[in-house]
Amino acid sequence: MSRNIALIGCGAIARAFYLPALAKHRAEFGRLWLVDPSEHALSIAASIVPGRQAHHLMDVGDEIHLVIVATPNQLHFPLALEALSRGAHVLIEKPFVIWMEEGRKLVEAAAANNRVVAINQTRRFFPLARELRQQINEGEFGSLKSVVHREGTKLTWPFESGAAFAQGAQRTGVIMDFGVHVIDFYHYLLQPRWTFVSAIHDGFRGPEGLAEIELQANDAPVSIRLSRYYPQENVAHLVFDRAKISFNVYDAETYSIRSNLGKATSYAIARAGAEYGSHAEPLLLNFLAASEKRESAVCDAASSLPVIEILDKIYRLARQYPAKLGSV
């Protein structure tokens, strides 16, 4: 049976990620609805993949089986709940919520309605993530000793508005942008118990652009530095009992392993397509398969809820850099 699908939010992330994937796999779905309050956004979306148009989900009189929520972060929770109330399975752009209580309510609603709530945590689909997760689970490297992650680049994302940068905007900075990807990636690899140690950022009266976070994954220290201002080293190092794993954080396919004997080996996992948007297809197809009970969602809301919980602690307990810090 063909399933009708609605894409809510036709802005930058939809154009870069979801719409090209929907266009390529259009035959997998029944009627496609494009939902956005902006006529301009709807027009651009329809030029990528034609569909019926509406300004709000409530305006869609059709039966909707699948919903993708690709709106600003603060709208994820109410729109996902609305979609669930209509009997739809839901795929939500990261972060799937910005408040821990919302995350718990969505997980409960998904279970109560027997529906999938999947999350776009793209890095779980990285070939190296699957490879490393299997090796770590099999105990190939021994116990984890430490993680150091450095990631940053000058922000160039084509935002549709400046709302995410307004004074008083909540949880729209680098921690909830890059950080949710980073912590979810390690949560997927390690499946640990997270403990907050410390955090500091520069979000004085608006979204933070620089953050340093110290956590523990079980008993192993995890050090994360994130920046929207300047390029960082953009490398990660995971030290285990018997080996050290290193990789470029923007390379989805290549990593190196250095054994305690000093021998280093690089691995490159062959995969078609290395661009960001290429990960949309496996995400979309996994969502469809999960909704039909043919396979499990690679990232469902329940599996990512611990990530939202530790992010909540980071925001609540973090210190701020001194206002007169100067350039960093």
C-alpha atoms as a PDB file:
ATOM      1  CA  MET A   1       0.000   0.000   0.000  1.00  0.00           C
ATOM      2  CA  SER A   2       1.360   3.432  -0.945  1.00  0.00           C
ATOM      3  CA  ARG A   3       1.651   5.684   2.061  1.00  0.00           C
ATOM      4  CA  ASN A   4       0.932   9.406   1.972  1.00  0.00           C
ATOM      5  CA  ILE A   5       3.701  11.584   3.387  1.00  0.00           C
ATOM      6  CA  ALA A   6       3.868  15.200   4.560  1.00  0.00           C
ATOM      7  CA  LEU A   7       7.034  17.272   4.811  1.00  0.00           C
ATOM      8  CA  ILE A   8       6.503  20.032   7.388  1.00  0.00           C
ATOM      9  CA  GLY A   9       9.029  22.802   6.909  1.00  0.00           C
ATOM     10  CA  CYS A  10      10.441  23.566   3.459  1.00  0.00           C
ATOM     11  CA  GLY A  11      13.431  25.702   4.443  1.00  0.00           C
ATOM     12  CA  ALA A  12      17.173  25.157   4.141  1.00  0.00           C
ATOM     13  CA  ILE A  13      17.404  21.687   5.709  1.00  0.00           C
ATOM     14  CA  ALA A  14      14.499  20.447   3.588  1.00  0.00           C
ATOM     15  CA  ARG A  15      16.080  21.743   0.377  1.00  0.00           C
ATOM     16  CA  ALA A  16      19.539  20.396   1.163  1.00  0.00           C
ATOM     17  CA  PHE A  17      18.503  17.066   2.645  1.00  0.00           C
ATOM     18  CA  TYR A  18      14.910  15.810   2.543  1.00  0.00           C
ATOM     19  CA  LEU A  19      13.514  17.094  -0.758  1.00  0.00           C
ATOM     20  CA  PRO A  20      16.223  15.584  -3.018  1.00  0.00           C
ATOM     21  CA  ALA A  21      15.777  12.221  -1.271  1.00  0.00           C
ATOM     22  CA  LEU A  22      11.996  12.399  -1.629  1.00  0.00           C
ATOM     23  CA  ALA A  23      12.377  13.259  -5.306  1.00  0.00           C
ATOM     24  CA  LYS A  24      14.660  10.287  -5.912  1.00  0.00           C
ATOM     25  CA  HIS A  25      12.343   7.880  -4.076  1.00  0.00           C
ATOM     26  CA  ARG A  26       9.039   9.454  -5.061  1.00  0.00           C
ATOM     27  CA  ALA A  27       7.631   6.102  -6.201  1.00  0.00           C
ATOM     28  CA  GLU A  28       7.912   4.750  -2.655  1.00  0.00           C
ATOM     29  CA  PHE A  29       5.097   7.014  -1.453  1.00  0.00           C
ATOM     30  CA  GLY A  30       1.516   7.917  -2.277  1.00  0.00           C
ATOM     31  CA  ARG A  31       0.462  11.550  -2.139  1.00  0.00           C
ATOM     32  CA  LEU A  32       3.135  14.005  -1.044  1.00  0.00           C
ATOM     33  CA  TRP A  33       2.236  17.127   0.908  1.00  0.00           C
ATOM     34  CA  LEU A  34       4.543  20.126   1.262  1.00  0.00           C
ATOM     35  CA  VAL A  35       3.661  22.130   4.377  1.00  0.00           C
ATOM     36  CA  ASP A  36       5.070  25.573   5.176  1.00  0.00           C
ATOM     37  CA  PRO A  37       3.575  28.976   6.072  1.00  0.00           C
ATOM     38  CA  SER A  38       5.771  30.633   3.422  1.00  0.00           C
ATOM     39  CA  GLU A  39       4.571  30.655  -0.189  1.00  0.00           C
ATOM     40  CA  HIS A  40       8.148  31.301  -1.281  1.00  0.00           C
ATOM     41  CA  ALA A  41       9.425  28.201   0.545  1.00  0.00           C
ATOM     42  CA  LEU A  42       6.599  26.100  -0.899  1.00  0.00           C
ATOM     43  CA  SER A  43       7.382  27.299  -4.421  1.00  0.00           C
ATOM     44  CA  ILE A  44      11.051  26.345  -4.132  1.00  0.00           C
ATOM     45  CA  ALA A  45      10.182  22.964  -2.611  1.00  0.00           C
ATOM     46  CA  ALA A  46       7.711  22.203  -5.399  1.00  0.00           C
ATOM     47  CA  SER A  47      10.425  22.930  -7.971  1.00  0.00           C
ATOM     48  CA  ILE A  48      12.478  20.085  -6.439  1.00  0.00           C
ATOM     49  CA  VAL A  49       9.642  17.604  -6.022  1.00  0.00           C
ATOM     50  CA  PRO A  50       6.030  18.461  -6.923  1.00  0.00           C
ATOM     51  CA  GLY A  51       3.427  17.938  -4.231  1.00  0.00           C
ATOM     52  CA  ARG A  52       0.181  19.194  -2.799  1.00  0.00           C
ATOM     53  CA  GLN A  53       0.660  22.303  -0.686  1.00  0.00           C
ATOM     54  CA  ALA A  54      -0.634  23.560   2.658  1.00  0.00           C
ATOM     55  CA  HIS A  55       0.395  26.227   5.149  1.00  0.00           C
ATOM     56  CA  HIS A  56      -0.209  24.076   8.250  1.00  0.00           C
ATOM     57  CA  LEU A  57      -0.616  20.385   8.986  1.00  0.00           C
ATOM     58  CA  MET A  58      -4.170  21.041  10.179  1.00  0.00           C
ATOM     59  CA  ASP A  59      -4.970  22.265   6.639  1.00  0.00           C
ATOM     60  CA  VAL A  60      -4.166  18.836   5.196  1.00  0.00           C
ATOM     61  CA  GLY A  61      -7.497  17.047   4.885  1.00  0.00           C
ATOM     62  CA  ASP A  62      -5.893  13.909   3.493  1.00  0.00           C
ATOM     63  CA  GLU A  63      -5.009  10.774   5.452  1.00  0.00           C
ATOM     64  CA  ILE A  64      -1.335  11.090   6.354  1.00  0.00           C
ATOM     65  CA  HIS A  65       0.672   7.994   7.179  1.00  0.00           C
ATOM     66  CA  LEU A  66       4.159   9.516   7.438  1.00  0.00           C
ATOM     67  CA  VAL A  67       5.322  12.957   8.552  1.00  0.00           C
ATOM     68  CA  ILE A  68       8.765  14.581   8.382  1.00  0.00           C
ATOM     69  CA  VAL A  69       9.225  17.524  10.760  1.00  0.00           C
ATOM     70  CA  ALA A  70      11.949  19.855   9.432  1.00  0.00           C
ATOM     71  CA  THR A  71      10.973  23.104  11.157  1.00  0.00           C
ATOM     72  CA  PRO A  72      12.828  25.312  13.657  1.00  0.00           C
ATOM     73  CA  ASN A  73      13.699  23.371  16.810  1.00  0.00           C
ATOM     74  CA  GLN A  74      11.053  24.798  19.112  1.00  0.00           C
ATOM     75  CA  LEU A  75       8.288  23.539  16.811  1.00  0.00           C
ATOM     76  CA  HIS A  76       9.470  19.916  16.692  1.00  0.00           C
ATOM     77  CA  PHE A  77       7.597  18.779  19.790  1.00  0.00           C
ATOM     78  CA  PRO A  78       4.122  20.221  19.130  1.00  0.00           C
ATOM     79  CA  LEU A  79       4.161  19.237  15.452  1.00  0.00           C
ATOM     80  CA  ALA A  80       5.321  15.695  16.223  1.00  0.00           C
ATOM     81  CA  LEU A  81       2.537  15.341  18.784  1.00  0.00           C
ATOM     82  CA  GLU A  82       0.019  16.636  16.240  1.00  0.00           C
ATOM     83  CA  ALA A  83       1.265  14.125  13.667  1.00  0.00           C
ATOM     84  CA  LEU A  84       1.048  11.264  16.176  1.00  0.00           C
ATOM     85  CA  SER A  85      -2.494  12.300  17.070  1.00  0.00           C
ATOM     86  CA  ARG A  86      -3.379  11.805  13.385  1.00  0.00           C
ATOM     87  CA  GLY A  87      -1.953   8.296  13.426  1.00  0.00           C
ATOM     88  CA  ALA A  88       1.231   9.084  11.524  1.00  0.00           C
ATOM     89  CA  HIS A  89       4.733   7.762  11.991  1.00  0.00           C
ATOM     90  CA  VAL A  90       7.136  10.691  12.433  1.00  0.00           C
ATOM     91  CA  LEU A  91      10.694  11.506  11.388  1.00  0.00           C
ATOM     92  CA  ILE A  92      12.067  14.583  13.187  1.00  0.00           C
ATOM     93  CA  GLU A  93      15.085  16.701  12.329  1.00  0.00           C
ATOM     94  CA  LYS A  94      17.664  16.872  15.127  1.00  0.00           C
ATOM     95  CA  PRO A  95      17.421  17.829  17.919  1.00  0.00           C
ATOM     96  CA  PHE A  96      14.092  16.069  18.161  1.00  0.00           C
ATOM     97  CA  VAL A  97      13.261  18.220  21.218  1.00  0.00           C
ATOM     98  CA  ILE A  98      15.089  20.914  23.175  1.00  0.00           C
ATOM     99  CA  TRP A  99      13.613  20.152  26.600  1.00  0.00           C
ATOM    100  CA  MET A 100      13.963  16.836  28.411  1.00  0.00           C
ATOM    101  CA  GLU A 101      10.294  16.724  29.476  1.00  0.00           C
ATOM    102  CA  GLU A 102       9.213  17.046  25.845  1.00  0.00           C
ATOM    103  CA  GLY A 103      11.431  14.130  24.900  1.00  0.00           C
ATOM    104  CA  ARG A 104       9.899  11.887  27.528  1.00  0.00           C
ATOM    105  CA  LYS A 105       6.370  12.827  26.445  1.00  0.00           C
ATOM    106  CA  LEU A 106       7.151  12.038  22.796  1.00  0.00           C
ATOM    107  CA  VAL A 107       8.631   8.650  23.686  1.00  0.00           C
ATOM    108  CA  GLU A 108       5.523   7.877  25.748  1.00  0.00           C
ATOM    109  CA  ALA A 109       3.183   9.069  22.973  1.00  0.00           C
ATOM    110  CA  ALA A 110       4.978   6.959  20.366  1.00  0.00           C
ATOM    111  CA  ALA A 111       4.649   3.858  22.537  1.00  0.00           C
ATOM    112  CA  ALA A 112       1.000   4.571  23.387  1.00  0.00           C
ATOM    113  CA  ASN A 113       0.106   5.016  19.704  1.00  0.00           C
ATOM    114  CA  ASN A 114       2.329   2.162  18.482  1.00  0.00           C
ATOM    115  CA  ARG A 115       4.066   4.549  16.114  1.00  0.00           C
ATOM    116  CA  VAL A 116       7.673   5.136  15.105  1.00  0.00           C
ATOM    117  CA  VAL A 117       9.290   8.431  16.072  1.00  0.00           C
ATOM    118  CA  ALA A 118      12.618   8.448  14.234  1.00  0.00           C
ATOM    119  CA  ILE A 119      15.312  11.120  14.474  1.00  0.00           C
ATOM    120  CA  ASN A 120      17.724  12.472  11.890  1.00  0.00           C
ATOM    121  CA  GLN A 121      20.927  11.727  13.749  1.00  0.00           C
ATOM    122  CA  THR A 122      22.896  11.543  10.510  1.00  0.00           C
ATOM    123  CA  ARG A 123      26.149  10.297  11.970  1.00  0.00           C
ATOM    124  CA  ARG A 124      24.599   6.983  13.001  1.00  0.00           C
ATOM    125  CA  PHE A 125      24.418   6.300   9.266  1.00  0.00           C
ATOM    126  CA  PHE A 126      28.139   6.948   8.732  1.00  0.00           C
ATOM    127  CA  PRO A 127      29.857   3.740   7.534  1.00  0.00           C
ATOM    128  CA  LEU A 128      32.599   4.201  10.134  1.00  0.00           C
ATOM    129  CA  ALA A 129      29.967   4.468  12.900  1.00  0.00           C
ATOM    130  CA  ARG A 130      28.514   1.069  12.067  1.00  0.00           C
ATOM    131  CA  GLU A 131      31.969  -0.466  11.707  1.00  0.00           C
ATOM    132  CA  LEU A 132      33.343   0.936  14.957  1.00  0.00           C
ATOM    133  CA  ARG A 133      30.165   0.176  16.912  1.00  0.00           C
ATOM    134  CA  GLN A 134      30.434  -3.483  15.964  1.00  0.00           C
ATOM    135  CA  GLN A 135      34.120  -3.712  16.867  1.00  0.00           C
ATOM    136  CA  ILE A 136      33.600  -1.921  20.180  1.00  0.00           C
ATOM    137  CA  ASN A 137      30.626  -4.124  21.068  1.00  0.00           C
ATOM    138  CA  GLU A 138      32.697  -7.208  20.314  1.00  0.00           C
ATOM    139  CA  GLY A 139      35.376  -5.979  22.733  1.00  0.00           C
ATOM    140  CA  GLU A 140      38.059  -5.821  20.071  1.00  0.00           C
ATOM    141  CA  PHE A 141      39.804  -2.789  21.601  1.00  0.00           C
ATOM    142  CA  GLY A 142      39.210  -3.439  25.303  1.00  0.00           C
ATOM    143  CA  SER A 143      37.769  -0.894  27.732  1.00  0.00           C
ATOM    144  CA  LEU A 144      37.401   2.778  26.827  1.00  0.00           C
ATOM    145  CA  LYS A 145      39.930   5.062  28.526  1.00  0.00           C
ATOM    146  CA  SER A 146      39.183   8.503  27.031  1.00  0.00           C
ATOM    147  CA  VAL A 147      37.631  10.480  24.162  1.00  0.00           C
ATOM    148  CA  VAL A 148      38.853  13.816  22.804  1.00  0.00           C
ATOM    149  CA  HIS A 149      36.712  15.503  20.144  1.00  0.00           C
ATOM    150  CA  ARG A 150      37.497  18.840  18.491  1.00  0.00           C
ATOM    151  CA  GLU A 151      35.046  20.193  15.928  1.00  0.00           C
ATOM    152  CA  GLY A 152      34.370  23.577  14.426  1.00  0.00           C
ATOM    153  CA  THR A 153      33.999  25.629  11.286  1.00  0.00           C
ATOM    154  CA  LYS A 154      32.838  29.120  10.444  1.00  0.00           C
ATOM    155  CA  LEU A 155      29.056  29.048  10.285  1.00  0.00           C
ATOM    156  CA  THR A 156      27.768  29.330   6.705  1.00  0.00           C
ATOM    157  CA  TRP A 157      24.364  27.607   6.933  1.00  0.00           C
ATOM    158  CA  PRO A 158      21.719  29.446   4.807  1.00  0.00           C
ATOM    159  CA  PHE A 159      19.227  30.218   7.584  1.00  0.00           C
ATOM    160  CA  GLU A 160      15.803  31.424   6.421  1.00  0.00           C
ATOM    161  CA  SER A 161      15.595  33.979   9.261  1.00  0.00           C
ATOM    162  CA  GLY A 162      17.608  35.347  12.154  1.00  0.00           C
ATOM    163  CA  ALA A 163      15.306  33.877  14.791  1.00  0.00           C
ATOM    164  CA  ALA A 164      17.913  31.377  15.963  1.00  0.00           C
ATOM    165  CA  PHE A 165      20.290  34.241  16.802  1.00  0.00           C
ATOM    166  CA  ALA A 166      17.914  36.571  18.617  1.00  0.00           C
ATOM    167  CA  GLN A 167      18.648  37.663  22.171  1.00  0.00           C
ATOM    168  CA  GLY A 168      16.778  35.266  24.397  1.00  0.00           C
ATOM    169  CA  ALA A 169      16.666  32.472  21.817  1.00  0.00           C
ATOM    170  CA  GLN A 170      16.917  29.265  23.795  1.00  0.00           C
ATOM    171  CA  ARG A 171      19.094  26.295  22.952  1.00  0.00           C
ATOM    172  CA  THR A 172      19.827  27.173  19.340  1.00  0.00           C
ATOM    173  CA  GLY A 173      23.607  27.530  19.565  1.00  0.00           C
ATOM    174  CA  VAL A 174      26.547  25.274  18.786  1.00  0.00           C
ATOM    175  CA  ILE A 175      25.802  22.846  21.634  1.00  0.00           C
ATOM    176  CA  MET A 176      22.368  21.986  20.236  1.00  0.00           C
ATOM    177  CA  ASP A 177      23.634  22.199  16.638  1.00  0.00           C
ATOM    178  CA  PHE A 178      26.976  20.360  16.489  1.00  0.00           C
ATOM    179  CA  GLY A 179      26.857  19.030  20.046  1.00  0.00           C
ATOM    180  CA  VAL A 180      23.715  16.954  19.630  1.00  0.00           C
ATOM    181  CA  HIS A 181      25.340  15.193  16.658  1.00  0.00           C
ATOM    182  CA  VAL A 182      28.602  14.635  18.511  1.00  0.00           C
ATOM    183  CA  ILE A 183      27.143  13.265  21.732  1.00  0.00           C
ATOM    184  CA  ASP A 184      24.604  11.112  19.887  1.00  0.00           C
ATOM    185  CA  PHE A 185      27.432   9.666  17.785  1.00  0.00           C
ATOM    186  CA  TYR A 186      29.324   8.564  20.895  1.00  0.00           C
ATOM    187  CA  HIS A 187      26.115   7.382  22.518  1.00  0.00           C
ATOM    188  CA  TYR A 188      25.535   5.161  19.481  1.00  0.00           C
ATOM    189  CA  LEU A 189      29.107   3.841  19.519  1.00  0.00           C
ATOM    190  CA  LEU A 190      29.530   3.302  23.242  1.00  0.00           C
ATOM    191  CA  GLN A 191      26.000   3.069  24.719  1.00  0.00           C
ATOM    192  CA  PRO A 192      27.315   4.448  28.013  1.00  0.00           C
ATOM    193  CA  ARG A 193      25.920   5.946  31.165  1.00  0.00           C
ATOM    194  CA  TRP A 194      26.566   9.694  30.839  1.00  0.00           C
ATOM    195  CA  THR A 195      27.751  11.890  33.697  1.00  0.00           C
ATOM    196  CA  PHE A 196      28.072  15.674  33.512  1.00  0.00           C
ATOM    197  CA  VAL A 197      31.437  17.040  34.731  1.00  0.00           C
ATOM    198  CA  SER A 198      31.630  20.641  33.496  1.00  0.00           C
ATOM    199  CA  ALA A 199      30.824  22.958  30.599  1.00  0.00           C
ATOM    200  CA  ILE A 200      31.534  26.538  29.612  1.00  0.00           C
ATOM    201  CA  HIS A 201      30.222  28.566  26.662  1.00  0.00           C
ATOM    202  CA  ASP A 202      29.820  32.137  25.400  1.00  0.00           C
ATOM    203  CA  GLY A 203      26.028  32.348  25.193  1.00  0.00           C
ATOM    204  CA  PHE A 204      25.728  35.576  27.163  1.00  0.00           C
ATOM    205  CA  ARG A 205      22.412  36.921  25.849  1.00  0.00           C
ATOM    206  CA  GLY A 206      21.771  34.620  22.926  1.00  0.00           C
ATOM    207  CA  PRO A 207      22.969  31.406  21.272  1.00  0.00           C
ATOM    208  CA  GLU A 208      26.467  30.211  22.083  1.00  0.00           C
ATOM    209  CA  GLY A 209      29.081  29.889  19.340  1.00  0.00           C
ATOM    210  CA  LEU A 210      31.906  28.358  21.383  1.00  0.00           C
ATOM    211  CA  ALA A 211      31.652  25.622  23.980  1.00  0.00           C
ATOM    212  CA  GLU A 212      33.921  23.288  25.947  1.00  0.00           C
ATOM    213  CA  ILE A 213      32.249  20.263  27.499  1.00  0.00           C
ATOM    214  CA  GLU A 214      33.605  17.643  29.877  1.00  0.00           C
ATOM    215  CA  LEU A 215      31.606  14.454  30.428  1.00  0.00           C
ATOM    216  CA  GLN A 216      32.137  10.899  31.520  1.00  0.00           C
ATOM    217  CA  ALA A 217      31.026   7.913  29.461  1.00  0.00           C
ATOM    218  CA  ASN A 218      30.774   5.330  32.227  1.00  0.00           C
ATOM    219  CA  ASP A 219      34.116   6.059  33.909  1.00  0.00           C
ATOM    220  CA  ALA A 220      36.003   7.384  30.866  1.00  0.00           C
ATOM    221  CA  PRO A 221      36.553  11.152  30.429  1.00  0.00           C
ATOM    222  CA  VAL A 222      35.072  12.714  27.268  1.00  0.00           C
ATOM    223  CA  SER A 223      36.399  16.137  26.257  1.00  0.00           C
ATOM    224  CA  ILE A 224      34.519  18.072  23.546  1.00  0.00           C
ATOM    225  CA  ARG A 225      35.303  21.483  22.076  1.00  0.00           C
ATOM    226  CA  LEU A 226      32.876  23.031  19.566  1.00  0.00           C
ATOM    227  CA  SER A 227      33.060  26.284  17.597  1.00  0.00           C
ATOM    228  CA  ARG A 228      30.941  28.125  15.029  1.00  0.00           C
ATOM    229  CA  TYR A 229      33.602  30.822  14.650  1.00  0.00           C
ATOM    230  CA  TYR A 230      36.852  29.258  13.449  1.00  0.00           C
ATOM    231  CA  PRO A 231      37.995  25.892  12.110  1.00  0.00           C
ATOM    232  CA  GLN A 232      39.169  23.560  14.855  1.00  0.00           C
ATOM    233  CA  GLU A 233      41.400  20.500  14.521  1.00  0.00           C
ATOM    234  CA  ASN A 234      38.282  18.560  13.464  1.00  0.00           C
ATOM    235  CA  VAL A 235      39.656  15.290  14.734  1.00  0.00           C
ATOM    236  CA  ALA A 236      38.578  12.720  17.283  1.00  0.00           C
ATOM    237  CA  HIS A 237      40.690  10.326  19.341  1.00  0.00           C
ATOM    238  CA  LEU A 238      39.260   7.367  21.241  1.00  0.00           C
ATOM    239  CA  VAL A 239      41.736   5.615  23.511  1.00  0.00           C
ATOM    240  CA  PHE A 240      41.026   2.036  24.573  1.00  0.00           C
ATOM    241  CA  ASP A 241      43.039  -0.533  26.537  1.00  0.00           C
ATOM    242  CA  ARG A 242      44.518  -2.065  23.414  1.00  0.00           C
ATOM    243  CA  ALA A 243      44.281   0.603  20.709  1.00  0.00           C
ATOM    244  CA  LYS A 244      43.765   4.250  19.803  1.00  0.00           C
ATOM    245  CA  ILE A 245      41.190   5.133  17.141  1.00  0.00           C
ATOM    246  CA  SER A 246      41.441   8.446  15.287  1.00  0.00           C
ATOM    247  CA  PHE A 247      39.423  10.040  12.495  1.00  0.00           C
ATOM    248  CA  ASN A 248      38.540  13.317  10.821  1.00  0.00           C
ATOM    249  CA  VAL A 249      35.113  14.277  12.184  1.00  0.00           C
ATOM    250  CA  TYR A 250      33.882  15.253   8.711  1.00  0.00           C
ATOM    251  CA  ASP A 251      35.015  12.036   7.003  1.00  0.00           C
ATOM    252  CA  ALA A 252      32.250   9.426   7.262  1.00  0.00           C
ATOM    253  CA  GLU A 253      34.315   6.575   5.886  1.00  0.00           C
ATOM    254  CA  THR A 254      37.952   6.674   7.028  1.00  0.00           C
ATOM    255  CA  TYR A 255      39.572   5.971  10.386  1.00  0.00           C
ATOM    256  CA  SER A 256      42.881   4.710  11.738  1.00  0.00           C
ATOM    257  CA  ILE A 257      43.713   2.278  14.508  1.00  0.00           C
ATOM    258  CA  ARG A 258      47.038   2.357  16.321  1.00  0.00           C
ATOM    259  CA  SER A 259      47.686  -0.689  18.467  1.00  0.00           C
ATOM    260  CA  ASN A 260      49.600  -0.543  21.728  1.00  0.00           C
ATOM    261  CA  LEU A 261      52.497  -2.124  19.840  1.00  0.00           C
ATOM    262  CA  GLY A 262      52.732   1.077  17.782  1.00  0.00           C
ATOM    263  CA  LYS A 263      51.423  -0.325  14.511  1.00  0.00           C
ATOM    264  CA  ALA A 264      48.980   2.057  12.758  1.00  0.00           C
ATOM    265  CA  THR A 265      46.487   0.893  10.136  1.00  0.00           C
ATOM    266  CA  SER A 266      44.099   3.100   8.139  1.00  0.00           C
ATOM    267  CA  TYR A 267      40.718   1.855   6.976  1.00  0.00           C
ATOM    268  CA  ALA A 268      38.551   3.312   4.216  1.00  0.00           C
ATOM    269  CA  ILE A 269      35.030   1.940   3.883  1.00  0.00           C
ATOM    270  CA  ALA A 270      33.788   2.024   0.318  1.00  0.00           C
ATOM    271  CA  ARG A 271      30.447   3.757  -0.098  1.00  0.00           C
ATOM    272  CA  ALA A 272      28.699   5.567  -2.926  1.00  0.00           C
ATOM    273  CA  GLY A 273      28.386   9.286  -2.226  1.00  0.00           C
ATOM    274  CA  ALA A 274      30.145  11.244   0.471  1.00  0.00           C
ATOM    275  CA  GLU A 275      28.160  14.469   0.449  1.00  0.00           C
ATOM    276  CA  TYR A 276      25.955  15.439   3.392  1.00  0.00           C
ATOM    277  CA  GLY A 277      22.734  14.982   1.434  1.00  0.00           C
ATOM    278  CA  SER A 278      23.669  11.433   0.465  1.00  0.00           C
ATOM    279  CA  HIS A 279      22.821  10.306   4.007  1.00  0.00           C
ATOM    280  CA  ALA A 280      19.206  11.379   3.533  1.00  0.00           C
ATOM    281  CA  GLU A 281      18.386   8.365   1.405  1.00  0.00           C
ATOM    282  CA  PRO A 282      19.296   5.644   3.929  1.00  0.00           C
ATOM    283  CA  LEU A 283      17.589   7.707   6.649  1.00  0.00           C
ATOM    284  CA  LEU A 284      14.384   8.059   4.632  1.00  0.00           C
ATOM    285  CA  LEU A 285      14.315   4.412   3.558  1.00  0.00           C
ATOM    286  CA  ASN A 286      15.029   3.226   7.097  1.00  0.00           C
ATOM    287  CA  PHE A 287      12.138   5.379   8.361  1.00  0.00           C
ATOM    288  CA  LEU A 288       9.811   3.873   5.765  1.00  0.00           C
ATOM    289  CA  ALA A 289      10.957   0.322   6.586  1.00  0.00           C
ATOM    290  CA  ALA A 290      10.570   0.915  10.334  1.00  0.00           C
ATOM    291  CA  SER A 291       7.038   2.237   9.841  1.00  0.00           C
ATOM    292  CA  GLU A 292       6.228  -1.004   7.996  1.00  0.00           C
ATOM    293  CA  LYS A 293       7.970  -3.136  10.669  1.00  0.00           C
ATOM    294  CA  ARG A 294      10.500  -4.454   8.175  1.00  0.00           C
ATOM    295  CA  GLU A 295      13.424  -3.209  10.254  1.00  0.00           C
ATOM    296  CA  SER A 296      14.159  -1.154  13.356  1.00  0.00           C
ATOM    297  CA  ALA A 297      14.742   2.584  13.213  1.00  0.00           C
ATOM    298  CA  VAL A 298      18.472   3.288  13.362  1.00  0.00           C
ATOM    299  CA  CYS A 299      17.690   6.233  15.628  1.00  0.00           C
ATOM    300  CA  ASP A 300      14.348   6.336  17.392  1.00  0.00           C
ATOM    301  CA  ALA A 301      13.363   8.840  20.055  1.00  0.00           C
ATOM    302  CA  ALA A 302      13.834   6.411  22.925  1.00  0.00           C
ATOM    303  CA  SER A 303      17.415   5.575  21.922  1.00  0.00           C
ATOM    304  CA  SER A 304      18.346   9.281  21.699  1.00  0.00           C
ATOM    305  CA  LEU A 305      16.557  10.409  24.858  1.00  0.00           C
ATOM    306  CA  PRO A 306      19.708  10.008  27.038  1.00  0.00           C
ATOM    307  CA  VAL A 307      21.423  12.464  24.678  1.00  0.00           C
ATOM    308  CA  ILE A 308      18.705  15.063  25.269  1.00  0.00           C
ATOM    309  CA  GLU A 309      19.006  14.456  29.018  1.00  0.00           C
ATOM    310  CA  ILE A 310      22.759  15.130  29.093  1.00  0.00           C
ATOM    311  CA  LEU A 311      22.346  18.166  26.814  1.00  0.00           C
ATOM    312  CA  ASP A 312      19.744  19.486  29.243  1.00  0.00           C
ATOM    313  CA  LYS A 313      22.274  19.193  32.082  1.00  0.00           C
ATOM    314  CA  ILE A 314      24.942  20.904  29.994  1.00  0.00           C
ATOM    315  CA  TYR A 315      22.708  23.914  29.357  1.00  0.00           C
ATOM    316  CA  ARG A 316      21.447  24.136  32.940  1.00  0.00           C
ATOM    317  CA  LEU A 317      24.809  23.701  34.657  1.00  0.00           C
ATOM    318  CA  ALA A 318      27.268  25.334  32.250  1.00  0.00           C
ATOM    319  CA  ARG A 319      29.315  28.378  33.180  1.00  0.00           C
ATOM    320  CA  GLN A 320      29.836  31.277  30.782  1.00  0.00           C
ATOM    321  CA  TYR A 321      33.094  32.672  29.514  1.00  0.00           C
ATOM    322  CA  PRO A 322      33.895  36.107  30.962  1.00  0.00           C
ATOM    323  CA  ALA A 323      32.170  38.871  28.985  1.00  0.00           C
ATOM    324  CA  LYS A 324      35.515  40.613  28.336  1.00  0.00           C
ATOM    325  CA  LEU A 325      37.274  37.455  27.181  1.00  0.00           C
ATOM    326  CA  GLY A 326      38.253  38.912  23.798  1.00  0.00           C
ATOM    327  CA  SER A 327      39.024  36.740  20.797  1.00  0.00           C
ATOM    328  CA  VAL A 328      39.394  32.992  21.260  1.00  0.00           C
END
